[in-house]
Amino acid sequence: MGKAKKNNDAINPKMKKLGIKIALSVRRDKVTHDLERFNELLNFVEEALHVKKKRRESYVSQKLSVMDDENEASLMAEFYAEDIFQIEIDFPRLQRYALFVSLMSIVESNLIGFCRTAKHLLSVSKDFDGTLPQVIKRSMEYLENEARIDISQFKYYIDLSIILSHIRNCIVHDEGSIKNRKDSVIISDFIKGKETILLDTDRGKKIILNKGFVEYYSQEVLKFLDCVSIGLGKKVSSLKLLD
């Protein structure tokens, strides 16, 4: 009986370390899987928009090319103007809005996951409430203040992700219009920045996500989540939990 207990005592630390390694790996792999799957969808949507645009333009061009009467051609061009607007402006806007909102949902769900993993691995007493607003800001405060993880090395990505969340909220709550929003200055200043050439507003102050915007920032948030993962791993290592 005593020998069995001694063997269990020797095995348990090993099993605990293995459990920690698996938890860290699973959390990191989920980030990679989520964003790989998202980018596959993103590429599919952008390709579909491009193909549809080319087909619509070719169809309209063929219709107009066989018309000898200029007035008739002009009327026909006006008739097809709505179709061209939809395929060139309206549909891409709606699709990129939806994709960007999904991207930010992936970011927040993974941050909630990191907080829960940190609570489990680091024996943090306080729970993280993922149902409240400002998930990005609060999750970083939780990891810094409760889990004691050093987040100073990725402050750039934290600030960037918070600004992106403002854009997401504007899209969700105001259909992309920054008019009369409390955070309109924050969004406007970001749009004016040199690095945001893929982001713009139309004459009605409605956000335009140009082609390449969602792709670029999907890579930026991946770097952000990687930093969080590394920070958690370093904290675990510093406590000798894997030695």
C-alpha atoms as a PDB file:
ATOM      1  CA  MET A   1       0.000   0.000   0.000  1.00  0.00           C
ATOM      2  CA  GLY A   2       2.811   2.361   0.942  1.00  0.00           C
ATOM      3  CA  LYS A   3       4.687   1.533  -2.255  1.00  0.00           C
ATOM      4  CA  ALA A   4       1.600   2.232  -4.396  1.00  0.00           C
ATOM      5  CA  LYS A   5       1.136   5.620  -2.732  1.00  0.00           C
ATOM      6  CA  LYS A   6       4.790   6.470  -3.370  1.00  0.00           C
ATOM      7  CA  ASN A   7       4.398   5.626  -7.064  1.00  0.00           C
ATOM      8  CA  ASN A   8       1.271   7.786  -7.293  1.00  0.00           C
ATOM      9  CA  ASP A   9       3.099  10.704  -5.698  1.00  0.00           C
ATOM     10  CA  ALA A  10       5.809  10.357  -8.349  1.00  0.00           C
ATOM     11  CA  ILE A  11       3.336  10.108 -11.209  1.00  0.00           C
ATOM     12  CA  ASN A  12       1.013  12.948 -10.210  1.00  0.00           C
ATOM     13  CA  PRO A  13       3.545  15.779 -10.751  1.00  0.00           C
ATOM     14  CA  LYS A  14       4.329  14.373 -14.177  1.00  0.00           C
ATOM     15  CA  MET A  15       0.644  14.157 -15.051  1.00  0.00           C
ATOM     16  CA  LYS A  16       0.120  17.686 -13.799  1.00  0.00           C
ATOM     17  CA  LYS A  17       2.933  19.019 -15.997  1.00  0.00           C
ATOM     18  CA  LEU A  18       1.548  17.107 -18.956  1.00  0.00           C
ATOM     19  CA  GLY A  19      -1.887  18.593 -18.295  1.00  0.00           C
ATOM     20  CA  ILE A  20      -0.419  22.104 -18.237  1.00  0.00           C
ATOM     21  CA  LYS A  21       1.434  21.535 -21.508  1.00  0.00           C
ATOM     22  CA  ILE A  22      -1.726  20.185 -23.134  1.00  0.00           C
ATOM     23  CA  ALA A  23      -3.805  23.152 -21.884  1.00  0.00           C
ATOM     24  CA  LEU A  24      -1.298  25.653 -23.299  1.00  0.00           C
ATOM     25  CA  SER A  25      -1.061  23.759 -26.584  1.00  0.00           C
ATOM     26  CA  VAL A  26      -4.832  23.473 -26.974  1.00  0.00           C
ATOM     27  CA  ARG A  27      -5.306  27.177 -26.312  1.00  0.00           C
ATOM     28  CA  ARG A  28      -2.588  28.131 -28.812  1.00  0.00           C
ATOM     29  CA  ASP A  29      -3.859  25.676 -31.441  1.00  0.00           C
ATOM     30  CA  LYS A  30      -7.392  27.066 -31.156  1.00  0.00           C
ATOM     31  CA  VAL A  31      -6.129  30.525 -32.123  1.00  0.00           C
ATOM     32  CA  THR A  32      -4.344  29.098 -35.158  1.00  0.00           C
ATOM     33  CA  HIS A  33      -7.322  26.966 -36.196  1.00  0.00           C
ATOM     34  CA  ASP A  34      -9.851  29.791 -35.797  1.00  0.00           C
ATOM     35  CA  LEU A  35      -7.850  32.236 -37.892  1.00  0.00           C
ATOM     36  CA  GLU A  36      -6.862  29.710 -40.563  1.00  0.00           C
ATOM     37  CA  ARG A  37     -10.527  28.806 -41.011  1.00  0.00           C
ATOM     38  CA  PHE A  38     -11.475  32.498 -41.040  1.00  0.00           C
ATOM     39  CA  ASN A  39      -8.898  33.338 -43.714  1.00  0.00           C
ATOM     40  CA  GLU A  40     -10.132  30.494 -45.895  1.00  0.00           C
ATOM     41  CA  LEU A  41     -13.616  32.010 -45.737  1.00  0.00           C
ATOM     42  CA  LEU A  42     -12.211  35.480 -46.343  1.00  0.00           C
ATOM     43  CA  ASN A  43     -10.359  34.377 -49.485  1.00  0.00           C
ATOM     44  CA  PHE A  44     -13.458  32.568 -50.724  1.00  0.00           C
ATOM     45  CA  VAL A  45     -15.665  35.649 -50.273  1.00  0.00           C
ATOM     46  CA  GLU A  46     -13.206  38.065 -51.890  1.00  0.00           C
ATOM     47  CA  GLU A  47     -12.736  35.739 -54.869  1.00  0.00           C
ATOM     48  CA  ALA A  48     -16.501  35.357 -55.256  1.00  0.00           C
ATOM     49  CA  LEU A  49     -16.967  39.141 -55.193  1.00  0.00           C
ATOM     50  CA  HIS A  50     -14.234  39.593 -57.795  1.00  0.00           C
ATOM     51  CA  VAL A  51     -15.651  36.956 -60.146  1.00  0.00           C
ATOM     52  CA  LYS A  52     -19.200  38.279 -59.813  1.00  0.00           C
ATOM     53  CA  LYS A  53     -18.026  41.839 -60.483  1.00  0.00           C
ATOM     54  CA  LYS A  54     -16.191  40.802 -63.651  1.00  0.00           C
ATOM     55  CA  ARG A  55     -19.196  38.843 -64.927  1.00  0.00           C
ATOM     56  CA  ARG A  56     -21.622  41.690 -64.264  1.00  0.00           C
ATOM     57  CA  GLU A  57     -19.368  44.260 -65.920  1.00  0.00           C
ATOM     58  CA  SER A  58     -18.876  42.021 -68.958  1.00  0.00           C
ATOM     59  CA  TYR A  59     -22.625  41.410 -69.268  1.00  0.00           C
ATOM     60  CA  VAL A  60     -23.476  45.128 -69.124  1.00  0.00           C
ATOM     61  CA  SER A  61     -20.670  45.996 -71.555  1.00  0.00           C
ATOM     62  CA  GLN A  62     -21.957  43.472 -74.084  1.00  0.00           C
ATOM     63  CA  LYS A  63     -25.512  44.795 -73.791  1.00  0.00           C
ATOM     64  CA  LEU A  64     -24.415  48.380 -74.367  1.00  0.00           C
ATOM     65  CA  SER A  65     -21.993  47.555 -77.196  1.00  0.00           C
ATOM     66  CA  VAL A  66     -24.776  46.381 -79.548  1.00  0.00           C
ATOM     67  CA  MET A  67     -26.828  49.567 -79.163  1.00  0.00           C
ATOM     68  CA  ASP A  68     -26.426  52.131 -81.940  1.00  0.00           C
ATOM     69  CA  ASP A  69     -28.798  54.704 -80.478  1.00  0.00           C
ATOM     70  CA  GLU A  70     -26.959  56.870 -77.909  1.00  0.00           C
ATOM     71  CA  ASN A  71     -30.130  57.842 -76.050  1.00  0.00           C
ATOM     72  CA  GLU A  72     -31.179  54.216 -75.751  1.00  0.00           C
ATOM     73  CA  ALA A  73     -27.707  53.273 -74.590  1.00  0.00           C
ATOM     74  CA  SER A  74     -27.769  56.050 -71.997  1.00  0.00           C
ATOM     75  CA  LEU A  75     -31.118  54.887 -70.638  1.00  0.00           C
ATOM     76  CA  MET A  76     -29.884  51.295 -70.538  1.00  0.00           C
ATOM     77  CA  ALA A  77     -26.723  52.392 -68.676  1.00  0.00           C
ATOM     78  CA  GLU A  78     -28.900  54.078 -66.055  1.00  0.00           C
ATOM     79  CA  PHE A  79     -30.987  50.920 -65.843  1.00  0.00           C
ATOM     80  CA  TYR A  80     -27.887  48.851 -65.029  1.00  0.00           C
ATOM     81  CA  ALA A  81     -26.372  51.483 -62.712  1.00  0.00           C
ATOM     82  CA  GLU A  82     -28.033  49.960 -59.631  1.00  0.00           C
ATOM     83  CA  ASP A  83     -26.648  46.537 -60.504  1.00  0.00           C
ATOM     84  CA  ILE A  84     -23.147  47.949 -60.871  1.00  0.00           C
ATOM     85  CA  PHE A  85     -23.478  49.849 -57.575  1.00  0.00           C
ATOM     86  CA  GLN A  86     -24.530  46.695 -55.776  1.00  0.00           C
ATOM     87  CA  ILE A  87     -21.684  44.558 -57.054  1.00  0.00           C
ATOM     88  CA  GLU A  88     -18.953  47.215 -56.790  1.00  0.00           C
ATOM     89  CA  ILE A  89     -19.927  49.066 -53.604  1.00  0.00           C
ATOM     90  CA  ASP A  90     -22.848  47.678 -51.637  1.00  0.00           C
ATOM     91  CA  PHE A  91     -22.155  43.938 -51.602  1.00  0.00           C
ATOM     92  CA  PRO A  92     -18.416  44.291 -50.804  1.00  0.00           C
ATOM     93  CA  ARG A  93     -19.262  46.693 -47.969  1.00  0.00           C
ATOM     94  CA  LEU A  94     -21.779  44.304 -46.436  1.00  0.00           C
ATOM     95  CA  GLN A  95     -19.554  41.264 -46.842  1.00  0.00           C
ATOM     96  CA  ARG A  96     -16.469  42.965 -45.375  1.00  0.00           C
ATOM     97  CA  TYR A  97     -18.529  44.348 -42.505  1.00  0.00           C
ATOM     98  CA  ALA A  98     -19.719  40.820 -41.704  1.00  0.00           C
ATOM     99  CA  LEU A  99     -16.215  39.372 -42.023  1.00  0.00           C
ATOM    100  CA  PHE A 100     -14.682  42.033 -39.804  1.00  0.00           C
ATOM    101  CA  VAL A 101     -17.327  41.579 -37.115  1.00  0.00           C
ATOM    102  CA  SER A 102     -16.621  37.830 -37.211  1.00  0.00           C
ATOM    103  CA  LEU A 103     -12.883  38.496 -36.921  1.00  0.00           C
ATOM    104  CA  MET A 104     -13.341  40.607 -33.804  1.00  0.00           C
ATOM    105  CA  SER A 105     -15.615  37.935 -32.325  1.00  0.00           C
ATOM    106  CA  ILE A 106     -12.790  35.427 -32.802  1.00  0.00           C
ATOM    107  CA  VAL A 107     -10.398  37.778 -31.011  1.00  0.00           C
ATOM    108  CA  GLU A 108     -12.695  38.278 -28.033  1.00  0.00           C
ATOM    109  CA  SER A 109     -13.666  34.618 -27.678  1.00  0.00           C
ATOM    110  CA  ASN A 110      -9.995  33.610 -27.632  1.00  0.00           C
ATOM    111  CA  LEU A 111      -9.119  36.299 -25.090  1.00  0.00           C
ATOM    112  CA  ILE A 112     -11.883  34.977 -22.844  1.00  0.00           C
ATOM    113  CA  GLY A 113     -10.372  31.524 -23.342  1.00  0.00           C
ATOM    114  CA  PHE A 114      -6.915  32.775 -22.347  1.00  0.00           C
ATOM    115  CA  CYS A 115      -8.337  34.325 -19.177  1.00  0.00           C
ATOM    116  CA  ARG A 116     -10.057  31.077 -18.231  1.00  0.00           C
ATOM    117  CA  THR A 117      -6.918  29.064 -18.986  1.00  0.00           C
ATOM    118  CA  ALA A 118      -4.854  31.477 -16.893  1.00  0.00           C
ATOM    119  CA  LYS A 119      -7.296  31.124 -14.005  1.00  0.00           C
ATOM    120  CA  HIS A 120      -7.015  27.340 -14.176  1.00  0.00           C
ATOM    121  CA  LEU A 121      -3.244  27.054 -14.597  1.00  0.00           C
ATOM    122  CA  LEU A 122      -2.218  29.892 -12.285  1.00  0.00           C
ATOM    123  CA  SER A 123      -4.849  29.251  -9.597  1.00  0.00           C
ATOM    124  CA  VAL A 124      -6.348  32.736  -9.933  1.00  0.00           C
ATOM    125  CA  SER A 125      -9.241  33.164  -7.519  1.00  0.00           C
ATOM    126  CA  LYS A 126     -11.230  35.726  -9.492  1.00  0.00           C
ATOM    127  CA  ASP A 127     -13.346  34.693 -12.493  1.00  0.00           C
ATOM    128  CA  PHE A 128     -13.320  36.646 -15.755  1.00  0.00           C
ATOM    129  CA  ASP A 129     -16.789  37.703 -16.892  1.00  0.00           C
ATOM    130  CA  GLY A 130     -16.910  37.394 -20.663  1.00  0.00           C
ATOM    131  CA  THR A 131     -20.485  38.685 -20.874  1.00  0.00           C
ATOM    132  CA  LEU A 132     -19.646  42.305 -20.052  1.00  0.00           C
ATOM    133  CA  PRO A 133     -18.606  44.963 -22.616  1.00  0.00           C
ATOM    134  CA  GLN A 134     -15.004  45.956 -23.421  1.00  0.00           C
ATOM    135  CA  VAL A 135     -13.717  42.391 -23.462  1.00  0.00           C
ATOM    136  CA  ILE A 136     -10.324  43.317 -24.915  1.00  0.00           C
ATOM    137  CA  LYS A 137      -9.558  46.019 -22.358  1.00  0.00           C
ATOM    138  CA  ARG A 138     -10.887  44.025 -19.413  1.00  0.00           C
ATOM    139  CA  SER A 139      -9.173  40.782 -20.421  1.00  0.00           C
ATOM    140  CA  MET A 140      -5.819  42.551 -20.558  1.00  0.00           C
ATOM    141  CA  GLU A 141      -6.438  44.072 -17.140  1.00  0.00           C
ATOM    142  CA  TYR A 142      -7.359  40.629 -15.831  1.00  0.00           C
ATOM    143  CA  LEU A 143      -4.240  38.971 -17.227  1.00  0.00           C
ATOM    144  CA  GLU A 144      -2.055  41.763 -15.889  1.00  0.00           C
ATOM    145  CA  ASN A 145      -3.611  42.338 -12.472  1.00  0.00           C
ATOM    146  CA  GLU A 146      -5.011  38.926 -11.562  1.00  0.00           C
ATOM    147  CA  ALA A 147      -2.743  36.499 -13.444  1.00  0.00           C
ATOM    148  CA  ARG A 148       0.309  38.773 -13.096  1.00  0.00           C
ATOM    149  CA  ILE A 149       1.289  38.367 -16.741  1.00  0.00           C
ATOM    150  CA  ASP A 150       3.610  40.974 -18.242  1.00  0.00           C
ATOM    151  CA  ILE A 151       1.619  42.581 -21.058  1.00  0.00           C
ATOM    152  CA  SER A 152       3.943  45.553 -21.586  1.00  0.00           C
ATOM    153  CA  GLN A 153       5.684  43.864 -24.526  1.00  0.00           C
ATOM    154  CA  PHE A 154       2.550  43.855 -26.667  1.00  0.00           C
ATOM    155  CA  LYS A 155       0.959  47.186 -25.758  1.00  0.00           C
ATOM    156  CA  TYR A 156       0.883  48.181 -29.446  1.00  0.00           C
ATOM    157  CA  TYR A 157      -1.368  45.233 -30.290  1.00  0.00           C
ATOM    158  CA  ILE A 158      -3.595  45.892 -27.286  1.00  0.00           C
ATOM    159  CA  ASP A 159      -4.151  49.526 -28.311  1.00  0.00           C
ATOM    160  CA  LEU A 160      -4.704  48.490 -31.933  1.00  0.00           C
ATOM    161  CA  SER A 161      -7.255  45.830 -31.001  1.00  0.00           C
ATOM    162  CA  ILE A 162      -9.168  48.275 -28.803  1.00  0.00           C
ATOM    163  CA  ILE A 163      -9.408  50.720 -31.727  1.00  0.00           C
ATOM    164  CA  LEU A 164     -10.545  47.900 -33.999  1.00  0.00           C
ATOM    165  CA  SER A 165     -13.246  47.090 -31.454  1.00  0.00           C
ATOM    166  CA  HIS A 166     -14.480  50.690 -31.754  1.00  0.00           C
ATOM    167  CA  ILE A 167     -14.801  50.181 -35.516  1.00  0.00           C
ATOM    168  CA  ARG A 168     -16.602  46.878 -34.963  1.00  0.00           C
ATOM    169  CA  ASN A 169     -19.054  48.516 -32.538  1.00  0.00           C
ATOM    170  CA  CYS A 170     -19.700  51.328 -35.014  1.00  0.00           C
ATOM    171  CA  ILE A 171     -20.527  48.771 -37.705  1.00  0.00           C
ATOM    172  CA  VAL A 172     -22.765  46.709 -35.415  1.00  0.00           C
ATOM    173  CA  HIS A 173     -24.646  49.539 -33.712  1.00  0.00           C
ATOM    174  CA  ASP A 174     -24.642  52.343 -36.313  1.00  0.00           C
ATOM    175  CA  GLU A 175     -24.292  50.530 -39.658  1.00  0.00           C
ATOM    176  CA  GLY A 176     -20.777  51.907 -39.995  1.00  0.00           C
ATOM    177  CA  SER A 177     -21.722  55.596 -39.597  1.00  0.00           C
ATOM    178  CA  ILE A 178     -19.390  57.516 -37.276  1.00  0.00           C
ATOM    179  CA  LYS A 179     -21.745  60.511 -37.091  1.00  0.00           C
ATOM    180  CA  ASN A 180     -22.781  61.465 -33.555  1.00  0.00           C
ATOM    181  CA  ARG A 181     -20.755  58.660 -31.952  1.00  0.00           C
ATOM    182  CA  LYS A 182     -18.825  59.385 -28.772  1.00  0.00           C
ATOM    183  CA  ASP A 183     -15.809  57.604 -30.221  1.00  0.00           C
ATOM    184  CA  SER A 184     -15.999  59.329 -33.625  1.00  0.00           C
ATOM    185  CA  VAL A 185     -12.721  61.196 -33.008  1.00  0.00           C
ATOM    186  CA  ILE A 186     -10.921  57.955 -32.094  1.00  0.00           C
ATOM    187  CA  ILE A 187     -12.139  56.276 -35.288  1.00  0.00           C
ATOM    188  CA  SER A 188     -11.488  59.344 -37.473  1.00  0.00           C
ATOM    189  CA  ASP A 189      -7.940  59.736 -36.188  1.00  0.00           C
ATOM    190  CA  PHE A 190      -7.267  56.072 -36.860  1.00  0.00           C
ATOM    191  CA  ILE A 191      -8.639  56.354 -40.399  1.00  0.00           C
ATOM    192  CA  LYS A 192      -6.355  59.336 -41.044  1.00  0.00           C
ATOM    193  CA  GLY A 193      -3.297  57.344 -39.966  1.00  0.00           C
ATOM    194  CA  LYS A 194      -0.739  56.374 -42.596  1.00  0.00           C
ATOM    195  CA  GLU A 195      -1.090  52.670 -41.841  1.00  0.00           C
ATOM    196  CA  THR A 196      -4.830  52.659 -42.491  1.00  0.00           C
ATOM    197  CA  ILE A 197      -4.856  53.227 -46.264  1.00  0.00           C
ATOM    198  CA  LEU A 198      -7.177  50.235 -46.479  1.00  0.00           C
ATOM    199  CA  LEU A 199      -9.799  52.060 -44.406  1.00  0.00           C
ATOM    200  CA  ASP A 200     -11.854  55.100 -45.413  1.00  0.00           C
ATOM    201  CA  THR A 201     -15.217  56.844 -45.047  1.00  0.00           C
ATOM    202  CA  ASP A 202     -17.674  57.924 -47.725  1.00  0.00           C
ATOM    203  CA  ARG A 203     -19.300  61.343 -47.998  1.00  0.00           C
ATOM    204  CA  GLY A 204     -21.896  60.355 -45.436  1.00  0.00           C
ATOM    205  CA  LYS A 205     -19.169  59.467 -42.903  1.00  0.00           C
ATOM    206  CA  LYS A 206     -19.879  55.772 -43.278  1.00  0.00           C
ATOM    207  CA  ILE A 207     -16.907  53.440 -42.831  1.00  0.00           C
ATOM    208  CA  ILE A 208     -15.531  51.772 -45.955  1.00  0.00           C
ATOM    209  CA  LEU A 209     -13.426  48.651 -45.500  1.00  0.00           C
ATOM    210  CA  ASN A 210     -11.385  48.536 -48.686  1.00  0.00           C
ATOM    211  CA  LYS A 211     -10.127  45.304 -50.209  1.00  0.00           C
ATOM    212  CA  GLY A 212      -7.215  44.049 -48.141  1.00  0.00           C
ATOM    213  CA  PHE A 213      -8.328  45.651 -44.848  1.00  0.00           C
ATOM    214  CA  VAL A 214      -9.733  42.517 -43.253  1.00  0.00           C
ATOM    215  CA  GLU A 215      -6.825  40.421 -44.567  1.00  0.00           C
ATOM    216  CA  TYR A 216      -4.231  42.776 -43.108  1.00  0.00           C
ATOM    217  CA  TYR A 217      -5.810  43.061 -39.679  1.00  0.00           C
ATOM    218  CA  SER A 218      -6.490  39.345 -39.437  1.00  0.00           C
ATOM    219  CA  GLN A 219      -2.699  38.983 -39.461  1.00  0.00           C
ATOM    220  CA  GLU A 220      -2.290  41.744 -36.884  1.00  0.00           C
ATOM    221  CA  VAL A 221      -4.747  40.201 -34.434  1.00  0.00           C
ATOM    222  CA  LEU A 222      -3.040  36.836 -34.940  1.00  0.00           C
ATOM    223  CA  LYS A 223       0.203  38.474 -33.770  1.00  0.00           C
ATOM    224  CA  PHE A 224      -1.698  39.919 -30.814  1.00  0.00           C
ATOM    225  CA  LEU A 225      -3.123  36.567 -29.761  1.00  0.00           C
ATOM    226  CA  ASP A 226       0.275  34.933 -30.258  1.00  0.00           C
ATOM    227  CA  CYS A 227       1.752  37.508 -27.880  1.00  0.00           C
ATOM    228  CA  VAL A 228      -0.904  36.700 -25.280  1.00  0.00           C
ATOM    229  CA  SER A 229      -0.158  33.001 -25.673  1.00  0.00           C
ATOM    230  CA  ILE A 230       3.575  33.579 -25.262  1.00  0.00           C
ATOM    231  CA  GLY A 231       2.961  35.814 -22.238  1.00  0.00           C
ATOM    232  CA  LEU A 232       0.901  33.125 -20.554  1.00  0.00           C
ATOM    233  CA  GLY A 233       3.549  30.506 -21.353  1.00  0.00           C
ATOM    234  CA  LYS A 234       6.293  32.684 -19.874  1.00  0.00           C
ATOM    235  CA  LYS A 235       4.284  33.204 -16.700  1.00  0.00           C
ATOM    236  CA  VAL A 236       3.760  29.462 -16.309  1.00  0.00           C
ATOM    237  CA  SER A 237       7.490  28.869 -16.856  1.00  0.00           C
ATOM    238  CA  SER A 238       8.473  31.579 -14.370  1.00  0.00           C
ATOM    239  CA  LEU A 239       6.494  29.758 -11.655  1.00  0.00           C
ATOM    240  CA  LYS A 240       8.425  26.547 -12.383  1.00  0.00           C
ATOM    241  CA  LEU A 241       5.189  24.731 -13.161  1.00  0.00           C
ATOM    242  CA  LEU A 242       6.792  22.836 -16.025  1.00  0.00           C
ATOM    243  CA  ASP A 243      10.136  21.993 -14.352  1.00  0.00           C
END
